Amino acid sequence: MKRMSLANNFDDADAFYERLVAVHESLDDEQSDQFNLSLILMLANHIGDAATLADLMDKAEQSACNR
């Protein structure tokens, strides 16, 4: 299993966030959902390790439920 890291690993996190927001602003709701799905699947494919992905999904679910 690959080691999961939740530490900041960005060269420029603000630029990434700004780009992500800009993309969503140019899309309608359906396109935004499709963009999210496509991005998630591409990132999952890039990670490629089922156990790491399961850990990340658990962390994301916990984060969403604790809001």
PDB file of N, CA and C in Angstrom:
ATOM      1  N   MET A   1       0.833  -1.180   0.000  1.00  0.00           N
ATOM      2  CA  MET A   1       0.000   0.000   0.000  1.00  0.00           C
ATOM      3  C   MET A   1       0.879   1.246   0.000  1.00  0.00           C
ATOM      4  N   LYS A   2       0.509   2.199  -0.835  1.00  0.00           N
ATOM      5  CA  LYS A   2       1.217   3.472  -0.853  1.00  0.00           C
ATOM      6  C   LYS A   2       0.886   4.257   0.407  1.00  0.00           C
ATOM      7  N   ARG A   3       1.818   5.058   0.843  1.00  0.00           N
ATOM      8  CA  ARG A   3       1.609   5.871   2.038  1.00  0.00           C
ATOM      9  C   ARG A   3       0.718   7.061   1.704  1.00  0.00           C
ATOM     10  N   MET A   4      -0.362   7.204   2.453  1.00  0.00           N
ATOM     11  CA  MET A   4      -1.281   8.306   2.256  1.00  0.00           C
ATOM     12  C   MET A   4      -0.770   9.522   3.012  1.00  0.00           C
ATOM     13  N   SER A   5      -0.763  10.647   2.339  1.00  0.00           N
ATOM     14  CA  SER A   5      -0.323  11.875   2.981  1.00  0.00           C
ATOM     15  C   SER A   5      -1.420  12.923   2.866  1.00  0.00           C
ATOM     16  N   LEU A   6      -1.758  13.522   3.995  1.00  0.00           N
ATOM     17  CA  LEU A   6      -2.716  14.629   3.996  1.00  0.00           C
ATOM     18  C   LEU A   6      -2.008  15.963   4.223  1.00  0.00           C
ATOM     19  N   ALA A   7      -0.685  15.913   4.288  1.00  0.00           N
ATOM     20  CA  ALA A   7       0.105  17.135   4.450  1.00  0.00           C
ATOM     21  C   ALA A   7       0.076  17.940   3.156  1.00  0.00           C
ATOM     22  N   ASN A   8       0.200  19.251   3.283  1.00  0.00           N
ATOM     23  CA  ASN A   8       0.247  20.119   2.112  1.00  0.00           C
ATOM     24  C   ASN A   8       1.416  19.715   1.226  1.00  0.00           C
ATOM     25  N   ASN A   9       1.101  19.381  -0.024  1.00  0.00           N
ATOM     26  CA  ASN A   9       2.119  18.936  -0.966  1.00  0.00           C
ATOM     27  C   ASN A   9       2.090  19.789  -2.237  1.00  0.00           C
ATOM     28  N   PHE A  10       1.540  20.998  -2.137  1.00  0.00           N
ATOM     29  CA  PHE A  10       1.396  21.890  -3.287  1.00  0.00           C
ATOM     30  C   PHE A  10       2.578  22.842  -3.398  1.00  0.00           C
ATOM     31  N   ASP A  11       2.965  23.131  -4.636  1.00  0.00           N
ATOM     32  CA  ASP A  11       3.899  24.224  -4.864  1.00  0.00           C
ATOM     33  C   ASP A  11       3.170  25.554  -4.649  1.00  0.00           C
ATOM     34  N   ASP A  12       1.908  25.604  -5.106  1.00  0.00           N
ATOM     35  CA  ASP A  12       1.105  26.823  -4.981  1.00  0.00           C
ATOM     36  C   ASP A  12      -0.364  26.435  -4.817  1.00  0.00           C
ATOM     37  N   ALA A  13      -0.753  26.121  -3.588  1.00  0.00           N
ATOM     38  CA  ALA A  13      -2.117  25.681  -3.302  1.00  0.00           C
ATOM     39  C   ALA A  13      -3.143  26.734  -3.688  1.00  0.00           C
ATOM     40  N   ASP A  14      -2.824  27.998  -3.473  1.00  0.00           N
ATOM     41  CA  ASP A  14      -3.765  29.065  -3.811  1.00  0.00           C
ATOM     42  C   ASP A  14      -4.060  29.100  -5.305  1.00  0.00           C
ATOM     43  N   ALA A  15      -3.045  28.912  -6.124  1.00  0.00           N
ATOM     44  CA  ALA A  15      -3.239  28.918  -7.577  1.00  0.00           C
ATOM     45  C   ALA A  15      -4.121  27.743  -8.000  1.00  0.00           C
ATOM     46  N   PHE A  16      -3.899  26.589  -7.390  1.00  0.00           N
ATOM     47  CA  PHE A  16      -4.745  25.429  -7.699  1.00  0.00           C
ATOM     48  C   PHE A  16      -6.202  25.727  -7.339  1.00  0.00           C
ATOM     49  N   TYR A  17      -6.428  26.239  -6.145  1.00  0.00           N
ATOM     50  CA  TYR A  17      -7.782  26.535  -5.687  1.00  0.00           C
ATOM     51  C   TYR A  17      -8.437  27.573  -6.596  1.00  0.00           C
ATOM     52  N   GLU A  18      -7.717  28.622  -6.956  1.00  0.00           N
ATOM     53  CA  GLU A  18      -8.255  29.649  -7.842  1.00  0.00           C
ATOM     54  C   GLU A  18      -8.646  29.060  -9.194  1.00  0.00           C
ATOM     55  N   ARG A  19      -7.822  28.174  -9.720  1.00  0.00           N
ATOM     56  CA  ARG A  19      -8.124  27.532 -11.007  1.00  0.00           C
ATOM     57  C   ARG A  19      -9.352  26.647 -10.887  1.00  0.00           C
ATOM     58  N   LEU A  20      -9.444  25.898  -9.797  1.00  0.00           N
ATOM     59  CA  LEU A  20     -10.597  25.021  -9.568  1.00  0.00           C
ATOM     60  C   LEU A  20     -11.887  25.834  -9.492  1.00  0.00           C
ATOM     61  N   VAL A  21     -11.858  26.920  -8.757  1.00  0.00           N
ATOM     62  CA  VAL A  21     -13.032  27.789  -8.641  1.00  0.00           C
ATOM     63  C   VAL A  21     -13.373  28.401 -10.003  1.00  0.00           C
ATOM     64  N   ALA A  22     -12.374  28.842 -10.737  1.00  0.00           N
ATOM     65  CA  ALA A  22     -12.612  29.452 -12.053  1.00  0.00           C
ATOM     66  C   ALA A  22     -13.269  28.471 -13.014  1.00  0.00           C
ATOM     67  N   VAL A  23     -12.821  27.231 -12.992  1.00  0.00           N
ATOM     68  CA  VAL A  23     -13.435  26.223 -13.859  1.00  0.00           C
ATOM     69  C   VAL A  23     -14.905  26.065 -13.505  1.00  0.00           C
ATOM     70  N   HIS A  24     -15.202  25.926 -12.226  1.00  0.00           N
ATOM     71  CA  HIS A  24     -16.590  25.732 -11.800  1.00  0.00           C
ATOM     72  C   HIS A  24     -17.464  26.940 -12.130  1.00  0.00           C
ATOM     73  N   GLU A  25     -16.917  28.123 -12.071  1.00  0.00           N
ATOM     74  CA  GLU A  25     -17.691  29.325 -12.384  1.00  0.00           C
ATOM     75  C   GLU A  25     -18.116  29.366 -13.849  1.00  0.00           C
ATOM     76  N   SER A  26     -17.376  28.692 -14.709  1.00  0.00           N
ATOM     77  CA  SER A  26     -17.687  28.705 -16.140  1.00  0.00           C
ATOM     78  C   SER A  26     -18.631  27.576 -16.546  1.00  0.00           C
ATOM     79  N   LEU A  27     -19.049  26.735 -15.588  1.00  0.00           N
ATOM     80  CA  LEU A  27     -19.875  25.575 -15.894  1.00  0.00           C
ATOM     81  C   LEU A  27     -21.255  25.698 -15.252  1.00  0.00           C
ATOM     82  N   ASP A  28     -22.248  25.062 -15.888  1.00  0.00           N
ATOM     83  CA  ASP A  28     -23.540  24.950 -15.220  1.00  0.00           C
ATOM     84  C   ASP A  28     -23.458  23.799 -14.219  1.00  0.00           C
ATOM     85  N   ASP A  29     -24.521  23.554 -13.460  1.00  0.00           N
ATOM     86  CA  ASP A  29     -24.477  22.544 -12.398  1.00  0.00           C
ATOM     87  C   ASP A  29     -24.159  21.147 -12.930  1.00  0.00           C
ATOM     88  N   GLU A  30     -24.780  20.760 -14.027  1.00  0.00           N
ATOM     89  CA  GLU A  30     -24.540  19.428 -14.596  1.00  0.00           C
ATOM     90  C   GLU A  30     -23.094  19.295 -15.080  1.00  0.00           C
ATOM     91  N   GLN A  31     -22.593  20.320 -15.749  1.00  0.00           N
ATOM     92  CA  GLN A  31     -21.209  20.297 -16.213  1.00  0.00           C
ATOM     93  C   GLN A  31     -20.241  20.276 -15.033  1.00  0.00           C
ATOM     94  N   SER A  32     -20.567  20.999 -13.983  1.00  0.00           N
ATOM     95  CA  SER A  32     -19.731  21.030 -12.783  1.00  0.00           C
ATOM     96  C   SER A  32     -19.656  19.645 -12.142  1.00  0.00           C
ATOM     97  N   ASP A  33     -20.801  18.967 -12.057  1.00  0.00           N
ATOM     98  CA  ASP A  33     -20.805  17.602 -11.524  1.00  0.00           C
ATOM     99  C   ASP A  33     -19.974  16.669 -12.395  1.00  0.00           C
ATOM    100  N   GLN A  34     -20.096  16.814 -13.712  1.00  0.00           N
ATOM    101  CA  GLN A  34     -19.326  15.970 -14.634  1.00  0.00           C
ATOM    102  C   GLN A  34     -17.831  16.259 -14.514  1.00  0.00           C
ATOM    103  N   PHE A  35     -17.491  17.529 -14.384  1.00  0.00           N
ATOM    104  CA  PHE A  35     -16.087  17.903 -14.182  1.00  0.00           C
ATOM    105  C   PHE A  35     -15.540  17.247 -12.914  1.00  0.00           C
ATOM    106  N   ASN A  36     -16.288  17.356 -11.803  1.00  0.00           N
ATOM    107  CA  ASN A  36     -15.844  16.750 -10.548  1.00  0.00           C
ATOM    108  C   ASN A  36     -15.638  15.253 -10.704  1.00  0.00           C
ATOM    109  N   LEU A  37     -16.591  14.573 -11.330  1.00  0.00           N
ATOM    110  CA  LEU A  37     -16.477  13.136 -11.533  1.00  0.00           C
ATOM    111  C   LEU A  37     -15.247  12.795 -12.366  1.00  0.00           C
ATOM    112  N   SER A  38     -15.054  13.513 -13.454  1.00  0.00           N
ATOM    113  CA  SER A  38     -13.897  13.254 -14.318  1.00  0.00           C
ATOM    114  C   SER A  38     -12.585  13.479 -13.583  1.00  0.00           C
ATOM    115  N   LEU A  39     -12.507  14.582 -12.840  1.00  0.00           N
ATOM    116  CA  LEU A  39     -11.284  14.895 -12.107  1.00  0.00           C
ATOM    117  C   LEU A  39     -11.007  13.833 -11.043  1.00  0.00           C
ATOM    118  N   ILE A  40     -12.036  13.428 -10.309  1.00  0.00           N
ATOM    119  CA  ILE A  40     -11.871  12.407  -9.271  1.00  0.00           C
ATOM    120  C   ILE A  40     -11.375  11.099  -9.875  1.00  0.00           C
ATOM    121  N   LEU A  41     -11.979  10.677 -10.979  1.00  0.00           N
ATOM    122  CA  LEU A  41     -11.570   9.413 -11.602  1.00  0.00           C
ATOM    123  C   LEU A  41     -10.151   9.487 -12.167  1.00  0.00           C
ATOM    124  N   MET A  42      -9.780  10.620 -12.736  1.00  0.00           N
ATOM    125  CA  MET A  42      -8.403  10.768 -13.244  1.00  0.00           C
ATOM    126  C   MET A  42      -7.393  10.748 -12.101  1.00  0.00           C
ATOM    127  N   LEU A  43      -7.714  11.436 -10.996  1.00  0.00           N
ATOM    128  CA  LEU A  43      -6.807  11.427  -9.845  1.00  0.00           C
ATOM    129  C   LEU A  43      -6.723  10.039  -9.225  1.00  0.00           C
ATOM    130  N   ALA A  44      -7.852   9.338  -9.141  1.00  0.00           N
ATOM    131  CA  ALA A  44      -7.847   7.968  -8.612  1.00  0.00           C
ATOM    132  C   ALA A  44      -6.987   7.061  -9.486  1.00  0.00           C
ATOM    133  N   ASN A  45      -7.111   7.208 -10.793  1.00  0.00           N
ATOM    134  CA  ASN A  45      -6.289   6.418 -11.703  1.00  0.00           C
ATOM    135  C   ASN A  45      -4.813   6.745 -11.521  1.00  0.00           C
ATOM    136  N   HIS A  46      -4.509   8.004 -11.310  1.00  0.00           N
ATOM    137  CA  HIS A  46      -3.120   8.425 -11.106  1.00  0.00           C
ATOM    138  C   HIS A  46      -2.557   7.812  -9.820  1.00  0.00           C
ATOM    139  N   ILE A  47      -3.357   7.782  -8.760  1.00  0.00           N
ATOM    140  CA  ILE A  47      -2.921   7.171  -7.495  1.00  0.00           C
ATOM    141  C   ILE A  47      -2.778   5.670  -7.683  1.00  0.00           C
ATOM    142  N   GLY A  48      -3.810   5.043  -8.220  1.00  0.00           N
ATOM    143  CA  GLY A  48      -3.723   3.661  -8.652  1.00  0.00           C
ATOM    144  C   GLY A  48      -3.690   2.579  -7.586  1.00  0.00           C
ATOM    145  N   ASP A  49      -3.752   2.915  -6.326  1.00  0.00           N
ATOM    146  CA  ASP A  49      -3.680   1.918  -5.259  1.00  0.00           C
ATOM    147  C   ASP A  49      -5.024   1.878  -4.529  1.00  0.00           C
ATOM    148  N   ALA A  50      -5.706   0.721  -4.582  1.00  0.00           N
ATOM    149  CA  ALA A  50      -7.053   0.611  -4.035  1.00  0.00           C
ATOM    150  C   ALA A  50      -7.098   0.897  -2.536  1.00  0.00           C
ATOM    151  N   ALA A  51      -6.120   0.435  -1.786  1.00  0.00           N
ATOM    152  CA  ALA A  51      -6.120   0.658  -0.332  1.00  0.00           C
ATOM    153  C   ALA A  51      -5.932   2.135  -0.008  1.00  0.00           C
ATOM    154  N   THR A  52      -5.062   2.803  -0.718  1.00  0.00           N
ATOM    155  CA  THR A  52      -4.859   4.237  -0.513  1.00  0.00           C
ATOM    156  C   THR A  52      -6.127   5.001  -0.852  1.00  0.00           C
ATOM    157  N   LEU A  53      -6.761   4.641  -1.964  1.00  0.00           N
ATOM    158  CA  LEU A  53      -8.003   5.302  -2.359  1.00  0.00           C
ATOM    159  C   LEU A  53      -9.100   5.071  -1.322  1.00  0.00           C
ATOM    160  N   ALA A  54      -9.184   3.862  -0.772  1.00  0.00           N
ATOM    161  CA  ALA A  54     -10.175   3.576   0.264  1.00  0.00           C
ATOM    162  C   ALA A  54      -9.920   4.441   1.493  1.00  0.00           C
ATOM    163  N   ASP A  55      -8.656   4.575   1.894  1.00  0.00           N
ATOM    164  CA  ASP A  55      -8.316   5.440   3.037  1.00  0.00           C
ATOM    165  C   ASP A  55      -8.702   6.889   2.763  1.00  0.00           C
ATOM    166  N   LEU A  56      -8.417   7.366   1.561  1.00  0.00           N
ATOM    167  CA  LEU A  56      -8.753   8.738   1.203  1.00  0.00           C
ATOM    168  C   LEU A  56     -10.262   8.954   1.187  1.00  0.00           C
ATOM    169  N   MET A  57     -11.012   7.979   0.679  1.00  0.00           N
ATOM    170  CA  MET A  57     -12.469   8.098   0.673  1.00  0.00           C
ATOM    171  C   MET A  57     -13.012   8.123   2.098  1.00  0.00           C
ATOM    172  N   ASP A  58     -12.439   7.299   2.974  1.00  0.00           N
ATOM    173  CA  ASP A  58     -12.858   7.313   4.383  1.00  0.00           C
ATOM    174  C   ASP A  58     -12.613   8.681   5.020  1.00  0.00           C
ATOM    175  N   LYS A  59     -11.430   9.251   4.765  1.00  0.00           N
ATOM    176  CA  LYS A  59     -11.098  10.577   5.319  1.00  0.00           C
ATOM    177  C   LYS A  59     -12.036  11.641   4.777  1.00  0.00           C
ATOM    178  N   ALA A  60     -12.317  11.599   3.475  1.00  0.00           N
ATOM    179  CA  ALA A  60     -13.220  12.581   2.858  1.00  0.00           C
ATOM    180  C   ALA A  60     -14.631  12.440   3.396  1.00  0.00           C
ATOM    181  N   GLU A  61     -15.084  11.214   3.597  1.00  0.00           N
ATOM    182  CA  GLU A  61     -16.416  10.988   4.153  1.00  0.00           C
ATOM    183  C   GLU A  61     -16.512  11.527   5.566  1.00  0.00           C
ATOM    184  N   GLN A  62     -15.494  11.257   6.369  1.00  0.00           N
ATOM    185  CA  GLN A  62     -15.453  11.770   7.743  1.00  0.00           C
ATOM    186  C   GLN A  62     -15.484  13.298   7.749  1.00  0.00           C
ATOM    187  N   SER A  63     -14.730  13.901   6.847  1.00  0.00           N
ATOM    188  CA  SER A  63     -14.691  15.354   6.750  1.00  0.00           C
ATOM    189  C   SER A  63     -16.059  15.917   6.366  1.00  0.00           C
ATOM    190  N   ALA A  64     -16.713  15.273   5.426  1.00  0.00           N
ATOM    191  CA  ALA A  64     -18.024  15.741   4.973  1.00  0.00           C
ATOM    192  C   ALA A  64     -19.079  15.581   6.066  1.00  0.00           C
ATOM    193  N   CYS A  65     -18.977  14.528   6.837  1.00  0.00           N
ATOM    194  CA  CYS A  65     -19.971  14.265   7.889  1.00  0.00           C
ATOM    195  C   CYS A  65     -19.764  15.134   9.117  1.00  0.00           C
ATOM    196  N   ASN A  66     -18.571  15.689   9.265  1.00  0.00           N
ATOM    197  CA  ASN A  66     -18.257  16.514  10.438  1.00  0.00           C
ATOM    198  C   ASN A  66     -18.482  17.994  10.198  1.00  0.00           C
ATOM    199  N   ARG A  67     -19.088  18.358   9.098  1.00  0.00           N
ATOM    200  CA  ARG A  67     -19.325  19.776   8.779  1.00  0.00           C
ATOM    201  C   ARG A  67     -20.518  20.296   9.490  1.00  0.00           C
TER     202      ARG A  67
END
